Amino acid sequence: MSPLASSQGPIGTKGSKSSNGRFFEDFTLDEVIIHGAPRTISDGDVALYHALTGNRFTLQTSNQFARDVGYSTAPIDDIFLFNAVFGLSVTDISRNAKANLGYAGCDFLAQVFTGETLSARSKVIGLRETSSGDSGIVYVLTEGLDHRDVPILRFIRWVLIPKRDPNSPPRDSHVPDLPDHVYPITVPPHRLNRNWNDLRTGSPYRWEDFQAGEKIDHIDGVTVEGAEHMTATRLYRNAARVHFDGLKMKNSADGQRLVYGGHVIALARALSYNGLANACILSAINAGRHSAPVYAGDTLYAWTEVKECIALQNRSDIGALRVVTRAIKNEPCTEFQESGDNLVLSLDYTVILPRR
């Protein structure tokens, strides 16, 4: 049974059929919002995602490989799925956001294939006014649904949203308890090591080859081009003004458009292929935060720390790793930085990979 049960439509601009998006005053604790504009994920969407991120995880890029290991065809990349559901929620939640601050409790409940139609709904689970009084933090639980309205993805995020009237009186605050990890781990229902081919995936390293405390420099860098991050954000259908409105952002403190944080996650995940090529399935995003903005022209590097090696009950074919991937801008990761001005992303997540 889904935890989200009722609905409220989009909020329009008074006297106009168009909407200016929600401000902090427009959110009510426990309200449920049904997001409009469901989308069907096509093969073209997936191909464009791979082109814009450089994703090389073979389970998601090769239909033949996917069939060899027991699928009917290649599943949609989990991070693309996350960004697609996230994008459905933006118009109602974060169109006016100053920043997306963090994530928790992101559970990938099912693997999804092209041709599926996604919709989304969100519940407001927390509200907190900032100390400056001109904005507030909105916490939402968002669900992505398949064509049968069955949840396939669930995550919490919190967003910094300005007030419509900075002088409006303060509101009561409620900060939700956030999970520090997703449990139980969602695993694929079929066995994965049937005909698994390390030569095809590009790496001999399986679950047994990793150990807690290990740090992996993914070495390769990727420069974020303006046209590419704008195209990617359109692909995700993220309509937040900070990513699209160049005139508005020219007059902001940043002075230019921000790269959508979900695209930074997608690029970091794609970079992690060099060292984690067999980590083919995301089971969860336990926690994540964007610690600095990324702009067009920045070059991203990434490294990953293995936090825990998890043996899965009754599954000798696969194991799980809880890892933290950190993305750094404009300097390589040779020193494995865990803080600093150039750290842009820390993502704590759980991956599934085959055993020997």
Protein backbone atom coordinates (compact mmCIF):
# COMPACT_ATOMS: atom_id res chain seq x y z
CA MET A 1 0.00 0.00 0.00
CA SER A 2 1.37 3.41 -0.93
CA PRO A 3 1.91 5.93 1.90
CA LEU A 4 0.51 8.66 -0.35
CA ALA A 5 -3.23 8.71 -0.59
CA SER A 6 -5.00 11.97 -1.52
CA SER A 7 -4.27 14.81 -3.88
CA GLN A 8 -4.13 18.52 -4.52
CA GLY A 9 -3.75 19.99 -7.97
CA PRO A 10 -1.25 22.61 -9.10
CA ILE A 11 -1.41 26.09 -7.65
CA GLY A 12 -2.05 28.78 -10.24
CA THR A 13 -1.25 32.48 -10.30
CA LYS A 14 -4.21 34.57 -9.13
CA GLY A 15 -6.04 36.06 -12.11
CA SER A 16 -4.10 33.98 -14.62
CA LYS A 17 -4.39 30.54 -16.15
CA SER A 18 -0.62 30.12 -15.98
CA SER A 19 1.30 29.21 -12.84
CA ASN A 20 4.24 31.00 -11.30
CA GLY A 21 5.12 27.95 -9.22
CA ARG A 22 4.90 27.45 -5.48
CA PHE A 23 6.57 29.53 -2.82
CA PHE A 24 7.19 28.48 0.76
CA GLU A 25 3.82 29.82 1.95
CA ASP A 26 2.01 27.57 -0.54
CA PHE A 27 2.99 24.29 1.11
CA THR A 28 0.96 22.58 3.83
CA LEU A 29 2.22 19.82 6.07
CA ASP A 30 0.87 16.37 5.06
CA GLU A 31 -0.66 17.55 1.78
CA VAL A 32 -0.32 15.14 -1.14
CA ILE A 33 0.35 16.54 -4.60
CA ILE A 34 -0.37 14.60 -7.79
CA HIS A 35 2.13 15.73 -10.41
CA GLY A 36 0.94 16.30 -13.96
CA ALA A 37 2.40 15.36 -17.35
CA PRO A 38 3.18 11.61 -17.06
CA ARG A 39 5.81 10.44 -19.52
CA THR A 40 6.53 7.28 -21.46
CA ILE A 41 10.23 6.42 -21.51
CA SER A 42 11.34 5.61 -25.06
CA ASP A 43 14.44 3.99 -26.51
CA GLY A 44 15.37 7.46 -27.76
CA ASP A 45 15.25 8.89 -24.23
CA VAL A 46 17.58 6.14 -23.02
CA ALA A 47 19.99 6.56 -25.93
CA LEU A 48 20.18 10.31 -25.31
CA TYR A 49 20.83 9.72 -21.60
CA HIS A 50 23.74 7.41 -22.39
CA ALA A 51 25.13 9.94 -24.88
CA LEU A 52 24.92 12.86 -22.43
CA THR A 53 26.45 11.01 -19.48
CA GLY A 54 28.86 8.55 -21.08
CA ASN A 55 27.18 5.70 -19.17
CA ARG A 56 28.85 2.35 -19.94
CA PHE A 57 27.28 -0.05 -17.44
CA THR A 58 26.72 -3.02 -19.73
CA LEU A 59 23.50 -4.32 -18.20
CA GLN A 60 21.82 -1.04 -19.17
CA THR A 61 23.58 -0.49 -22.52
CA SER A 62 23.40 -3.94 -24.16
CA ASN A 63 20.12 -5.74 -24.82
CA GLN A 64 22.04 -8.89 -25.73
CA PHE A 65 24.03 -8.89 -22.49
CA ALA A 66 20.83 -8.30 -20.52
CA ARG A 67 19.16 -11.27 -22.23
CA ASP A 68 22.20 -13.45 -21.52
CA VAL A 69 21.90 -12.82 -17.78
CA GLY A 70 18.15 -13.40 -17.61
CA TYR A 71 16.36 -10.19 -18.61
CA SER A 72 14.05 -9.80 -21.57
CA THR A 73 15.91 -6.61 -22.55
CA ALA A 74 18.15 -4.00 -20.95
CA PRO A 75 16.57 -2.20 -17.98
CA ILE A 76 16.51 1.59 -17.79
CA ASP A 77 19.51 3.02 -15.93
CA ASP A 78 18.53 3.59 -12.30
CA ILE A 79 19.86 7.15 -12.13
CA PHE A 80 17.96 8.10 -15.28
CA LEU A 81 14.85 6.66 -13.65
CA PHE A 82 15.52 8.74 -10.53
CA ASN A 83 15.99 11.91 -12.58
CA ALA A 84 12.88 11.24 -14.67
CA VAL A 85 10.70 10.89 -11.55
CA PHE A 86 12.40 13.86 -9.93
CA GLY A 87 11.69 15.93 -13.04
CA LEU A 88 7.98 15.12 -12.87
CA SER A 89 7.85 16.68 -9.40
CA VAL A 90 9.75 19.90 -10.10
CA THR A 91 6.91 22.09 -11.41
CA ASP A 92 4.87 21.57 -8.23
CA ILE A 93 7.72 21.39 -5.70
CA SER A 94 10.90 23.18 -6.71
CA ARG A 95 10.27 25.37 -9.75
CA ASN A 96 11.26 28.41 -7.65
CA ALA A 97 13.85 26.63 -5.53
CA LYS A 98 17.13 28.29 -4.66
CA ALA A 99 18.76 24.89 -4.16
CA ASN A 100 18.03 21.20 -3.79
CA LEU A 101 19.76 20.44 -0.50
CA GLY A 102 19.76 16.69 -0.04
CA TYR A 103 18.26 13.22 -0.40
CA ALA A 104 17.47 10.29 1.89
CA GLY A 105 15.64 7.00 1.81
CA CYS A 106 15.72 6.55 -1.96
CA ASP A 107 14.55 2.99 -2.62
CA PHE A 108 14.58 1.58 -6.16
CA LEU A 109 11.64 -0.78 -5.81
CA ALA A 110 11.68 -2.34 -9.29
CA GLN A 111 13.65 -2.35 -12.49
CA VAL A 112 11.88 -0.61 -15.34
CA PHE A 113 12.05 -1.06 -19.12
CA THR A 114 11.49 1.22 -22.09
CA GLY A 115 7.85 1.68 -23.03
CA GLU A 116 6.85 2.19 -19.39
CA THR A 117 4.79 5.26 -18.53
CA LEU A 118 5.87 7.07 -15.36
CA SER A 119 3.84 9.35 -13.14
CA ALA A 120 4.61 10.80 -9.72
CA ARG A 121 3.11 12.12 -6.52
CA SER A 122 4.61 13.77 -3.44
CA LYS A 123 3.70 14.26 0.20
CA VAL A 124 4.93 17.26 2.21
CA ILE A 125 6.50 15.70 5.30
CA GLY A 126 8.32 18.71 6.77
CA LEU A 127 8.52 22.51 6.74
CA ARG A 128 11.13 24.73 8.36
CA GLU A 129 11.64 28.45 7.98
CA THR A 130 15.26 29.61 7.63
CA SER A 131 16.87 31.92 10.17
CA SER A 132 16.89 34.77 7.64
CA GLY A 133 13.10 34.55 7.45
CA ASP A 134 12.94 35.10 3.69
CA SER A 135 12.74 31.43 2.69
CA GLY A 136 12.10 27.95 4.02
CA ILE A 137 13.03 24.32 3.61
CA VAL A 138 10.36 21.97 2.29
CA TYR A 139 10.75 18.21 2.85
CA VAL A 140 8.85 15.90 0.49
CA LEU A 141 8.44 12.17 0.01
CA THR A 142 8.07 11.50 -3.71
CA GLU A 143 6.92 8.28 -5.37
CA GLY A 144 7.39 7.29 -8.99
CA LEU A 145 4.59 5.07 -10.32
CA ASP A 146 4.27 2.73 -13.28
CA HIS A 147 1.27 2.56 -15.62
CA ARG A 148 -0.65 0.53 -13.02
CA ASP A 149 0.04 3.16 -10.32
CA VAL A 150 2.40 0.74 -8.56
CA PRO A 151 5.39 2.48 -6.91
CA ILE A 152 8.70 1.73 -8.61
CA LEU A 153 10.79 4.36 -6.83
CA ARG A 154 10.48 6.30 -3.57
CA PHE A 155 12.72 9.04 -2.19
CA ILE A 156 12.86 11.95 0.26
CA ARG A 157 14.38 15.27 -0.71
CA TRP A 158 14.51 18.71 0.88
CA VAL A 159 14.56 21.98 -0.99
CA LEU A 160 15.30 25.63 -0.16
CA ILE A 161 12.36 27.69 -1.45
CA PRO A 162 11.90 31.47 -1.17
CA LYS A 163 8.87 33.10 0.39
CA ARG A 164 6.51 35.04 -1.83
CA ASP A 165 6.52 37.76 0.84
CA PRO A 166 9.79 37.88 2.81
CA ASN A 167 7.99 39.80 5.57
CA SER A 168 5.22 37.28 6.11
CA PRO A 169 4.96 35.96 9.69
CA PRO A 170 6.90 32.81 10.61
CA ARG A 171 5.22 29.41 10.46
CA ASP A 172 5.36 26.45 12.80
CA SER A 173 8.26 24.16 11.91
CA HIS A 174 8.29 20.40 11.60
CA VAL A 175 11.51 18.61 10.64
CA PRO A 176 10.95 14.91 9.87
CA ASP A 177 13.13 12.09 11.11
CA LEU A 178 15.20 11.00 8.12
CA PRO A 179 16.45 7.42 7.68
CA ASP A 180 20.24 7.01 7.58
CA HIS A 181 19.98 4.10 5.16
CA VAL A 182 17.46 2.05 3.19
CA TYR A 183 16.58 -1.34 4.64
CA PRO A 184 15.75 -3.99 3.59
CA ILE A 185 17.80 -3.95 0.41
CA THR A 186 15.70 -4.39 -2.73
CA VAL A 187 17.27 -7.07 -4.92
CA PRO A 188 16.46 -8.39 -8.42
CA PRO A 189 14.15 -11.42 -8.25
CA HIS A 190 16.10 -13.62 -10.68
CA ARG A 191 19.65 -14.95 -10.44
CA LEU A 192 22.25 -12.74 -12.06
CA ASN A 193 25.34 -14.89 -12.61
CA ARG A 194 23.87 -16.93 -15.44
CA ASN A 195 26.27 -16.30 -18.35
CA TRP A 196 27.69 -13.19 -16.68
CA ASN A 197 30.70 -12.24 -18.80
CA ASP A 198 33.40 -10.05 -17.22
CA LEU A 199 34.99 -9.48 -20.62
CA ARG A 200 31.73 -7.91 -21.79
CA THR A 201 31.34 -5.70 -18.73
CA GLY A 202 34.97 -4.60 -18.88
CA SER A 203 36.04 -5.61 -15.37
CA PRO A 204 37.07 -8.84 -13.60
CA TYR A 205 36.16 -7.46 -10.16
CA ARG A 206 33.12 -8.98 -8.50
CA TRP A 207 31.68 -8.71 -5.00
CA GLU A 208 34.43 -10.79 -3.35
CA ASP A 209 37.14 -8.47 -4.71
CA PHE A 210 36.04 -5.43 -2.66
CA GLN A 211 36.63 -4.69 1.00
CA ALA A 212 35.36 -2.09 3.45
CA GLY A 213 37.63 0.95 3.62
CA GLU A 214 38.86 0.56 0.04
CA LYS A 215 39.10 3.80 -1.97
CA ILE A 216 38.86 3.87 -5.75
CA ASP A 217 39.96 6.81 -7.88
CA HIS A 218 37.85 6.72 -11.05
CA ILE A 219 40.60 8.77 -12.76
CA ASP A 220 38.68 10.11 -15.75
CA GLY A 221 37.33 13.66 -15.80
CA VAL A 222 34.40 15.13 -17.71
CA THR A 223 33.92 18.80 -18.53
CA VAL A 224 30.30 19.93 -18.28
CA GLU A 225 29.34 21.77 -21.46
CA GLY A 226 26.50 24.29 -21.36
CA ALA A 227 24.56 22.80 -24.26
CA GLU A 228 24.90 19.29 -22.82
CA HIS A 229 23.70 20.05 -19.30
CA MET A 230 20.79 22.06 -20.69
CA THR A 231 19.82 19.18 -23.00
CA ALA A 232 20.11 16.68 -20.16
CA THR A 233 17.92 18.79 -17.88
CA ARG A 234 15.29 19.01 -20.61
CA LEU A 235 15.52 15.23 -20.98
CA TYR A 236 14.80 14.91 -17.25
CA ARG A 237 11.97 17.49 -17.64
CA ASN A 238 13.32 19.56 -14.78
CA ALA A 239 11.76 23.01 -15.15
CA ALA A 240 13.47 24.80 -12.23
CA ARG A 241 14.31 28.37 -13.19
CA VAL A 242 17.86 28.23 -11.80
CA HIS A 243 18.76 25.79 -14.60
CA PHE A 244 16.98 27.47 -17.53
CA ASP A 245 16.49 31.20 -17.09
CA GLY A 246 19.81 32.74 -18.11
CA LEU A 247 18.59 36.32 -17.67
CA LYS A 248 17.29 35.67 -14.15
CA MET A 249 20.48 33.87 -13.13
CA LYS A 250 22.72 36.57 -14.65
CA ASN A 251 21.37 38.90 -12.00
CA SER A 252 21.71 36.35 -9.18
CA ALA A 253 24.60 35.76 -6.79
CA ASP A 254 25.74 32.87 -9.00
CA GLY A 255 25.76 35.01 -12.12
CA GLN A 256 24.89 32.08 -14.37
CA ARG A 257 22.69 29.00 -14.63
CA LEU A 258 23.34 26.11 -12.27
CA VAL A 259 23.92 22.57 -13.49
CA TYR A 260 21.07 20.41 -12.16
CA GLY A 261 22.34 18.34 -9.25
CA GLY A 262 20.73 15.17 -10.56
CA HIS A 263 22.83 15.49 -13.69
CA VAL A 264 25.93 15.83 -11.51
CA ILE A 265 24.88 12.55 -9.87
CA ALA A 266 24.43 10.95 -13.31
CA LEU A 267 27.89 12.08 -14.43
CA ALA A 268 29.53 10.86 -11.20
CA ARG A 269 27.81 7.50 -11.54
CA ALA A 270 29.00 7.23 -15.16
CA LEU A 271 32.57 8.07 -14.10
CA SER A 272 32.44 5.32 -11.44
CA TYR A 273 32.29 2.69 -14.20
CA ASN A 274 36.12 2.83 -14.19
CA GLY A 275 36.58 0.69 -11.08
CA LEU A 276 32.98 -0.40 -10.45
CA ALA A 277 31.97 -1.73 -13.87
CA ASN A 278 30.23 -4.81 -12.45
CA ALA A 279 28.22 -2.72 -9.93
CA CYS A 280 25.38 -2.84 -12.40
CA ILE A 281 22.28 -2.15 -10.28
CA LEU A 282 21.49 0.59 -7.76
CA SER A 283 19.35 -0.68 -4.92
CA ALA A 284 19.21 2.52 -2.88
CA ILE A 285 20.46 6.04 -2.34
CA ASN A 286 20.89 6.17 1.43
CA ALA A 287 21.84 9.83 1.64
CA GLY A 288 23.18 12.56 -0.58
CA ARG A 289 23.99 16.24 -0.57
CA HIS A 290 25.24 18.88 -2.97
CA SER A 291 27.94 20.86 -1.18
CA ALA A 292 28.80 23.37 -3.92
CA PRO A 293 27.31 24.45 -7.24
CA VAL A 294 28.49 23.24 -10.64
CA TYR A 295 28.53 25.54 -13.67
CA ALA A 296 29.10 25.04 -17.38
CA GLY A 297 32.82 24.73 -17.98
CA ASP A 298 33.59 22.93 -14.70
CA THR A 299 35.39 19.58 -14.95
CA LEU A 300 34.21 16.78 -12.67
CA TYR A 301 36.24 13.94 -11.20
CA ALA A 302 35.00 11.24 -8.83
CA TRP A 303 36.22 8.70 -6.31
CA THR A 304 34.41 6.06 -4.27
CA GLU A 305 34.91 4.65 -0.80
CA VAL A 306 33.55 1.20 0.04
CA LYS A 307 31.77 1.50 3.39
CA GLU A 308 30.33 -2.00 3.77
CA CYS A 309 30.28 -5.36 1.96
CA ILE A 310 26.86 -6.93 2.46
CA ALA A 311 26.14 -10.64 1.94
CA LEU A 312 22.53 -11.10 0.90
CA GLN A 313 20.47 -13.79 2.60
CA ASN A 314 19.63 -16.76 0.34
CA ARG A 315 21.51 -15.23 -2.60
CA SER A 316 24.82 -16.82 -3.57
CA ASP A 317 24.74 -15.19 -7.01
CA ILE A 318 24.91 -11.53 -5.95
CA GLY A 319 26.17 -9.33 -3.13
CA ALA A 320 25.77 -5.68 -2.20
CA LEU A 321 28.19 -2.86 -1.50
CA ARG A 322 27.35 0.28 0.42
CA VAL A 323 29.58 2.97 -1.07
CA VAL A 324 30.07 6.72 -0.99
CA THR A 325 30.97 8.45 -4.25
CA ARG A 326 32.33 11.97 -4.03
CA ALA A 327 32.55 14.31 -7.00
CA ILE A 328 35.19 17.04 -7.12
CA LYS A 329 35.29 19.92 -9.58
CA ASN A 330 38.36 21.25 -11.34
CA GLU A 331 40.97 19.05 -9.66
CA PRO A 332 41.74 15.32 -9.80
CA CYS A 333 40.91 13.03 -6.88
CA THR A 334 44.45 11.83 -6.22
CA GLU A 335 44.25 12.91 -2.55
CA PHE A 336 40.76 11.42 -1.98
CA GLN A 337 39.32 14.70 -0.71
CA GLU A 338 36.37 14.32 1.65
CA SER A 339 35.81 18.05 2.10
CA GLY A 340 36.92 21.36 0.64
CA ASP A 341 35.66 24.10 -1.63
CA ASN A 342 35.77 21.90 -4.74
CA LEU A 343 33.72 19.03 -3.31
CA VAL A 344 30.36 19.21 -5.11
CA LEU A 345 28.65 15.91 -4.28
CA SER A 346 28.65 13.21 -1.61
CA LEU A 347 26.40 10.28 -2.46
CA ASP A 348 25.91 7.30 -0.12
CA TYR A 349 24.27 4.46 -2.07
CA THR A 350 23.98 0.69 -2.33
CA VAL A 351 24.85 -1.30 -5.43
CA ILE A 352 24.27 -4.89 -6.47
CA LEU A 353 26.96 -6.87 -8.28
CA PRO A 354 27.58 -10.53 -9.15
CA ARG A 355 29.52 -12.99 -7.01
CA ARG A 356 31.85 -15.65 -8.27
